[in-house]
Amino acid sequence: MMAHTFRELVIGGVLVAPFISYAVAALFVVLLIRPLLRFVGFLKIFSNAAIAELSLYVTILGLLVLFF
């Protein structure tokens, strides 16, 4: 039987859920790759660039939750 243990982040004595850490990490990754995406014209192929970026964020967040 495998039990997944979650590591809580402690900020000022307050336990922060692991999901919040993943959400911040995913935001950091998206902000890092954003200039590259603009350079290659990723957002120009979508009719709504904001939804495309949101979808990319959700995908990265899902991968972080799945693998960590």
PDB file of N, CA and C in Angstrom:
ATOM      1  N   MET A   1       0.843  -1.167   0.000  1.00  0.00           N
ATOM      2  CA  MET A   1       0.000   0.000   0.000  1.00  0.00           C
ATOM      3  C   MET A   1       0.895   1.238   0.000  1.00  0.00           C
ATOM      4  N   MET A   2       0.660   2.119  -0.969  1.00  0.00           N
ATOM      5  CA  MET A   2       1.463   3.329  -1.085  1.00  0.00           C
ATOM      6  C   MET A   2       0.687   4.508  -0.524  1.00  0.00           C
ATOM      7  N   ALA A   3       1.310   5.237   0.347  1.00  0.00           N
ATOM      8  CA  ALA A   3       0.700   6.445   0.898  1.00  0.00           C
ATOM      9  C   ALA A   3       1.502   7.644   0.421  1.00  0.00           C
ATOM     10  N   HIS A   4       0.819   8.605  -0.148  1.00  0.00           N
ATOM     11  CA  HIS A   4       1.484   9.814  -0.622  1.00  0.00           C
ATOM     12  C   HIS A   4       1.539  10.819   0.520  1.00  0.00           C
ATOM     13  N   THR A   5       2.739  11.230   0.856  1.00  0.00           N
ATOM     14  CA  THR A   5       2.874  12.227   1.912  1.00  0.00           C
ATOM     15  C   THR A   5       3.069  13.591   1.275  1.00  0.00           C
ATOM     16  N   PHE A   6       2.340  14.556   1.758  1.00  0.00           N
ATOM     17  CA  PHE A   6       2.440  15.909   1.248  1.00  0.00           C
ATOM     18  C   PHE A   6       3.323  16.726   2.177  1.00  0.00           C
ATOM     19  N   ARG A   7       4.129  17.565   1.589  1.00  0.00           N
ATOM     20  CA  ARG A   7       4.978  18.451   2.375  1.00  0.00           C
ATOM     21  C   ARG A   7       4.322  19.820   2.426  1.00  0.00           C
ATOM     22  N   GLU A   8       3.953  20.240   3.614  1.00  0.00           N
ATOM     23  CA  GLU A   8       3.346  21.549   3.763  1.00  0.00           C
ATOM     24  C   GLU A   8       4.433  22.612   3.834  1.00  0.00           C
ATOM     25  N   LEU A   9       4.136  23.741   3.279  1.00  0.00           N
ATOM     26  CA  LEU A   9       5.027  24.888   3.345  1.00  0.00           C
ATOM     27  C   LEU A   9       4.607  25.713   4.555  1.00  0.00           C
ATOM     28  N   VAL A  10       5.555  26.100   5.376  1.00  0.00           N
ATOM     29  CA  VAL A  10       5.259  26.886   6.573  1.00  0.00           C
ATOM     30  C   VAL A  10       5.756  28.302   6.341  1.00  0.00           C
ATOM     31  N   ILE A  11       4.815  29.264   6.376  1.00  0.00           N
ATOM     32  CA  ILE A  11       5.150  30.674   6.201  1.00  0.00           C
ATOM     33  C   ILE A  11       4.652  31.412   7.437  1.00  0.00           C
ATOM     34  N   GLY A  12       5.563  31.884   8.244  1.00  0.00           N
ATOM     35  CA  GLY A  12       5.191  32.615   9.447  1.00  0.00           C
ATOM     36  C   GLY A  12       4.371  31.799  10.424  1.00  0.00           C
ATOM     37  N   GLY A  13       4.619  30.514  10.504  1.00  0.00           N
ATOM     38  CA  GLY A  13       3.892  29.647  11.405  1.00  0.00           C
ATOM     39  C   GLY A  13       2.566  29.164  10.866  1.00  0.00           C
ATOM     40  N   VAL A  14       2.244  29.530   9.623  1.00  0.00           N
ATOM     41  CA  VAL A  14       0.987  29.116   9.005  1.00  0.00           C
ATOM     42  C   VAL A  14       1.279  28.032   7.973  1.00  0.00           C
ATOM     43  N   LEU A  15       0.577  26.919   8.074  1.00  0.00           N
ATOM     44  CA  LEU A  15       0.739  25.851   7.094  1.00  0.00           C
ATOM     45  C   LEU A  15       0.018  26.219   5.802  1.00  0.00           C
ATOM     46  N   VAL A  16       0.729  26.119   4.692  1.00  0.00           N
ATOM     47  CA  VAL A  16       0.164  26.423   3.383  1.00  0.00           C
ATOM     48  C   VAL A  16       0.011  25.112   2.632  1.00  0.00           C
ATOM     49  N   ALA A  17      -1.135  24.912   2.039  1.00  0.00           N
ATOM     50  CA  ALA A  17      -1.412  23.676   1.315  1.00  0.00           C
ATOM     51  C   ALA A  17      -0.427  23.492   0.159  1.00  0.00           C
ATOM     52  N   PRO A  18      -0.063  22.247  -0.151  1.00  0.00           N
ATOM     53  CA  PRO A  18       0.862  22.002  -1.250  1.00  0.00           C
ATOM     54  C   PRO A  18       0.357  22.547  -2.584  1.00  0.00           C
ATOM     55  N   PHE A  19      -0.960  22.577  -2.771  1.00  0.00           N
ATOM     56  CA  PHE A  19      -1.505  23.073  -4.030  1.00  0.00           C
ATOM     57  C   PHE A  19      -1.123  24.532  -4.274  1.00  0.00           C
ATOM     58  N   ILE A  20      -1.070  25.328  -3.220  1.00  0.00           N
ATOM     59  CA  ILE A  20      -0.679  26.733  -3.358  1.00  0.00           C
ATOM     60  C   ILE A  20       0.766  26.827  -3.833  1.00  0.00           C
ATOM     61  N   SER A  21       1.622  25.976  -3.306  1.00  0.00           N
ATOM     62  CA  SER A  21       3.021  25.959  -3.754  1.00  0.00           C
ATOM     63  C   SER A  21       3.111  25.588  -5.225  1.00  0.00           C
ATOM     64  N   TYR A  22       2.306  24.606  -5.640  1.00  0.00           N
ATOM     65  CA  TYR A  22       2.298  24.200  -7.044  1.00  0.00           C
ATOM     66  C   TYR A  22       1.768  25.319  -7.930  1.00  0.00           C
ATOM     67  N   ALA A  23       0.738  26.017  -7.468  1.00  0.00           N
ATOM     68  CA  ALA A  23       0.157  27.106  -8.249  1.00  0.00           C
ATOM     69  C   ALA A  23       1.166  28.235  -8.454  1.00  0.00           C
ATOM     70  N   VAL A  24       1.911  28.566  -7.409  1.00  0.00           N
ATOM     71  CA  VAL A  24       2.934  29.612  -7.518  1.00  0.00           C
ATOM     72  C   VAL A  24       4.066  29.153  -8.433  1.00  0.00           C
ATOM     73  N   ALA A  25       4.470  27.894  -8.315  1.00  0.00           N
ATOM     74  CA  ALA A  25       5.530  27.358  -9.183  1.00  0.00           C
ATOM     75  C   ALA A  25       5.089  27.367 -10.647  1.00  0.00           C
ATOM     76  N   ALA A  26       3.841  27.005 -10.910  1.00  0.00           N
ATOM     77  CA  ALA A  26       3.329  27.003 -12.285  1.00  0.00           C
ATOM     78  C   ALA A  26       3.294  28.421 -12.834  1.00  0.00           C
ATOM     79  N   LEU A  27       2.903  29.383 -12.011  1.00  0.00           N
ATOM     80  CA  LEU A  27       2.898  30.782 -12.448  1.00  0.00           C
ATOM     81  C   LEU A  27       4.310  31.238 -12.780  1.00  0.00           C
ATOM     82  N   PHE A  28       5.270  30.852 -11.955  1.00  0.00           N
ATOM     83  CA  PHE A  28       6.666  31.199 -12.196  1.00  0.00           C
ATOM     84  C   PHE A  28       7.157  30.608 -13.528  1.00  0.00           C
ATOM     85  N   VAL A  29       6.807  29.356 -13.798  1.00  0.00           N
ATOM     86  CA  VAL A  29       7.220  28.707 -15.053  1.00  0.00           C
ATOM     87  C   VAL A  29       6.597  29.417 -16.245  1.00  0.00           C
ATOM     88  N   VAL A  30       5.317  29.739 -16.165  1.00  0.00           N
ATOM     89  CA  VAL A  30       4.642  30.421 -17.281  1.00  0.00           C
ATOM     90  C   VAL A  30       5.266  31.790 -17.514  1.00  0.00           C
ATOM     91  N   LEU A  31       5.570  32.516 -16.447  1.00  0.00           N
ATOM     92  CA  LEU A  31       6.193  33.824 -16.614  1.00  0.00           C
ATOM     93  C   LEU A  31       7.595  33.721 -17.216  1.00  0.00           C
ATOM     94  N   LEU A  32       8.290  32.624 -16.920  1.00  0.00           N
ATOM     95  CA  LEU A  32       9.618  32.429 -17.503  1.00  0.00           C
ATOM     96  C   LEU A  32       9.564  32.108 -18.992  1.00  0.00           C
ATOM     97  N   ILE A  33       8.588  31.321 -19.410  1.00  0.00           N
ATOM     98  CA  ILE A  33       8.542  30.917 -20.820  1.00  0.00           C
ATOM     99  C   ILE A  33       7.719  31.877 -21.690  1.00  0.00           C
ATOM    100  N   ARG A  34       7.063  32.852 -21.061  1.00  0.00           N
ATOM    101  CA  ARG A  34       6.227  33.798 -21.803  1.00  0.00           C
ATOM    102  C   ARG A  34       6.985  34.563 -22.897  1.00  0.00           C
ATOM    103  N   PRO A  35       8.188  35.100 -22.627  1.00  0.00           N
ATOM    104  CA  PRO A  35       8.923  35.786 -23.706  1.00  0.00           C
ATOM    105  C   PRO A  35       9.258  34.849 -24.877  1.00  0.00           C
ATOM    106  N   LEU A  36       9.579  33.605 -24.564  1.00  0.00           N
ATOM    107  CA  LEU A  36       9.870  32.641 -25.624  1.00  0.00           C
ATOM    108  C   LEU A  36       8.621  32.376 -26.475  1.00  0.00           C
ATOM    109  N   LEU A  37       7.482  32.259 -25.827  1.00  0.00           N
ATOM    110  CA  LEU A  37       6.242  32.028 -26.552  1.00  0.00           C
ATOM    111  C   LEU A  37       5.899  33.201 -27.461  1.00  0.00           C
ATOM    112  N   ARG A  38       6.126  34.404 -26.980  1.00  0.00           N
ATOM    113  CA  ARG A  38       5.878  35.578 -27.819  1.00  0.00           C
ATOM    114  C   ARG A  38       6.855  35.638 -28.991  1.00  0.00           C
ATOM    115  N   PHE A  39       8.099  35.236 -28.774  1.00  0.00           N
ATOM    116  CA  PHE A  39       9.103  35.252 -29.826  1.00  0.00           C
ATOM    117  C   PHE A  39       8.754  34.283 -30.961  1.00  0.00           C
ATOM    118  N   VAL A  40       8.264  33.098 -30.604  1.00  0.00           N
ATOM    119  CA  VAL A  40       7.941  32.107 -31.629  1.00  0.00           C
ATOM    120  C   VAL A  40       6.543  32.289 -32.208  1.00  0.00           C
ATOM    121  N   GLY A  41       5.769  33.248 -31.687  1.00  0.00           N
ATOM    122  CA  GLY A  41       4.442  33.517 -32.219  1.00  0.00           C
ATOM    123  C   GLY A  41       3.372  32.546 -31.762  1.00  0.00           C
ATOM    124  N   PHE A  42       3.547  31.970 -30.591  1.00  0.00           N
ATOM    125  CA  PHE A  42       2.597  30.991 -30.069  1.00  0.00           C
ATOM    126  C   PHE A  42       1.194  31.570 -29.929  1.00  0.00           C
ATOM    127  N   LEU A  43       1.099  32.796 -29.426  1.00  0.00           N
ATOM    128  CA  LEU A  43      -0.204  33.376 -29.133  1.00  0.00           C
ATOM    129  C   LEU A  43      -0.934  33.864 -30.387  1.00  0.00           C
ATOM    130  N   LYS A  44      -0.220  34.039 -31.488  1.00  0.00           N
ATOM    131  CA  LYS A  44      -0.857  34.517 -32.720  1.00  0.00           C
ATOM    132  C   LYS A  44      -1.689  33.442 -33.405  1.00  0.00           C
ATOM    133  N   ILE A  45      -1.464  32.184 -33.051  1.00  0.00           N
ATOM    134  CA  ILE A  45      -2.220  31.118 -33.711  1.00  0.00           C
ATOM    135  C   ILE A  45      -3.566  30.864 -33.045  1.00  0.00           C
ATOM    136  N   PHE A  46      -3.837  31.552 -31.934  1.00  0.00           N
ATOM    137  CA  PHE A  46      -5.101  31.397 -31.217  1.00  0.00           C
ATOM    138  C   PHE A  46      -5.949  32.652 -31.376  1.00  0.00           C
ATOM    139  N   SER A  47      -7.255  32.465 -31.429  1.00  0.00           N
ATOM    140  CA  SER A  47      -8.140  33.618 -31.560  1.00  0.00           C
ATOM    141  C   SER A  47      -8.245  34.391 -30.249  1.00  0.00           C
ATOM    142  N   ASN A  48      -8.032  33.718 -29.132  1.00  0.00           N
ATOM    143  CA  ASN A  48      -8.070  34.383 -27.829  1.00  0.00           C
ATOM    144  C   ASN A  48      -6.788  34.015 -27.079  1.00  0.00           C
ATOM    145  N   ALA A  49      -5.841  34.930 -27.078  1.00  0.00           N
ATOM    146  CA  ALA A  49      -4.522  34.664 -26.499  1.00  0.00           C
ATOM    147  C   ALA A  49      -4.591  34.455 -24.989  1.00  0.00           C
ATOM    148  N   ALA A  50      -5.489  35.153 -24.314  1.00  0.00           N
ATOM    149  CA  ALA A  50      -5.588  35.019 -22.861  1.00  0.00           C
ATOM    150  C   ALA A  50      -6.032  33.611 -22.471  1.00  0.00           C
ATOM    151  N   ILE A  51      -6.970  33.051 -23.198  1.00  0.00           N
ATOM    152  CA  ILE A  51      -7.417  31.689 -22.902  1.00  0.00           C
ATOM    153  C   ILE A  51      -6.311  30.690 -23.212  1.00  0.00           C
ATOM    154  N   ALA A  52      -5.520  30.942 -24.239  1.00  0.00           N
ATOM    155  CA  ALA A  52      -4.403  30.060 -24.565  1.00  0.00           C
ATOM    156  C   ALA A  52      -3.366  30.068 -23.443  1.00  0.00           C
ATOM    157  N   GLU A  53      -3.072  31.245 -22.907  1.00  0.00           N
ATOM    158  CA  GLU A  53      -2.116  31.324 -21.795  1.00  0.00           C
ATOM    159  C   GLU A  53      -2.680  30.677 -20.534  1.00  0.00           C
ATOM    160  N   LEU A  54      -3.949  30.876 -20.275  1.00  0.00           N
ATOM    161  CA  LEU A  54      -4.580  30.241 -19.126  1.00  0.00           C
ATOM    162  C   LEU A  54      -4.545  28.726 -19.262  1.00  0.00           C
ATOM    163  N   SER A  55      -4.805  28.224 -20.443  1.00  0.00           N
ATOM    164  CA  SER A  55      -4.762  26.780 -20.682  1.00  0.00           C
ATOM    165  C   SER A  55      -3.359  26.231 -20.479  1.00  0.00           C
ATOM    166  N   LEU A  56      -2.363  26.979 -20.903  1.00  0.00           N
ATOM    167  CA  LEU A  56      -0.977  26.564 -20.697  1.00  0.00           C
ATOM    168  C   LEU A  56      -0.657  26.528 -19.202  1.00  0.00           C
ATOM    169  N   TYR A  57      -1.128  27.533 -18.457  1.00  0.00           N
ATOM    170  CA  TYR A  57      -0.924  27.560 -17.010  1.00  0.00           C
ATOM    171  C   TYR A  57      -1.581  26.356 -16.338  1.00  0.00           C
ATOM    172  N   VAL A  58      -2.810  26.058 -16.708  1.00  0.00           N
ATOM    173  CA  VAL A  58      -3.528  24.934 -16.109  1.00  0.00           C
ATOM    174  C   VAL A  58      -2.829  23.617 -16.449  1.00  0.00           C
ATOM    175  N   THR A  59      -2.319  23.505 -17.657  1.00  0.00           N
ATOM    176  CA  THR A  59      -1.592  22.297 -18.054  1.00  0.00           C
ATOM    177  C   THR A  59      -0.326  22.121 -17.224  1.00  0.00           C
ATOM    178  N   ILE A  60       0.441  23.190 -17.063  1.00  0.00           N
ATOM    179  CA  ILE A  60       1.668  23.116 -16.266  1.00  0.00           C
ATOM    180  C   ILE A  60       1.335  22.824 -14.805  1.00  0.00           C
ATOM    181  N   LEU A  61       0.288  23.450 -14.285  1.00  0.00           N
ATOM    182  CA  LEU A  61      -0.141  23.187 -12.913  1.00  0.00           C
ATOM    183  C   LEU A  61      -0.536  21.727 -12.742  1.00  0.00           C
ATOM    184  N   GLY A  62      -1.271  21.189 -13.677  1.00  0.00           N
ATOM    185  CA  GLY A  62      -1.665  19.782 -13.613  1.00  0.00           C
ATOM    186  C   GLY A  62      -0.471  18.844 -13.643  1.00  0.00           C
ATOM    187  N   LEU A  63       0.513  19.162 -14.472  1.00  0.00           N
ATOM    188  CA  LEU A  63       1.712  18.330 -14.535  1.00  0.00           C
ATOM    189  C   LEU A  63       2.502  18.390 -13.233  1.00  0.00           C
ATOM    190  N   LEU A  64       2.586  19.562 -12.633  1.00  0.00           N
ATOM    191  CA  LEU A  64       3.277  19.677 -11.353  1.00  0.00           C
ATOM    192  C   LEU A  64       2.583  18.866 -10.262  1.00  0.00           C
ATOM    193  N   VAL A  65       1.267  18.954 -10.226  1.00  0.00           N
ATOM    194  CA  VAL A  65       0.520  18.193  -9.218  1.00  0.00           C
ATOM    195  C   VAL A  65       0.664  16.696  -9.455  1.00  0.00           C
ATOM    196  N   LEU A  66       0.672  16.303 -10.707  1.00  0.00           N
ATOM    197  CA  LEU A  66       0.748  14.882 -11.052  1.00  0.00           C
ATOM    198  C   LEU A  66       2.115  14.276 -10.710  1.00  0.00           C
ATOM    199  N   PHE A  67       3.191  15.018 -11.004  1.00  0.00           N
ATOM    200  CA  PHE A  67       4.517  14.442 -10.850  1.00  0.00           C
ATOM    201  C   PHE A  67       5.220  14.771  -9.539  1.00  0.00           C
ATOM    202  N   PHE A  68       4.718  15.726  -8.792  1.00  0.00           N
ATOM    203  CA  PHE A  68       5.351  16.058  -7.517  1.00  0.00           C
ATOM    204  C   PHE A  68       4.340  15.874  -6.453  1.00  0.00           C
TER     205      PHE A  68
END
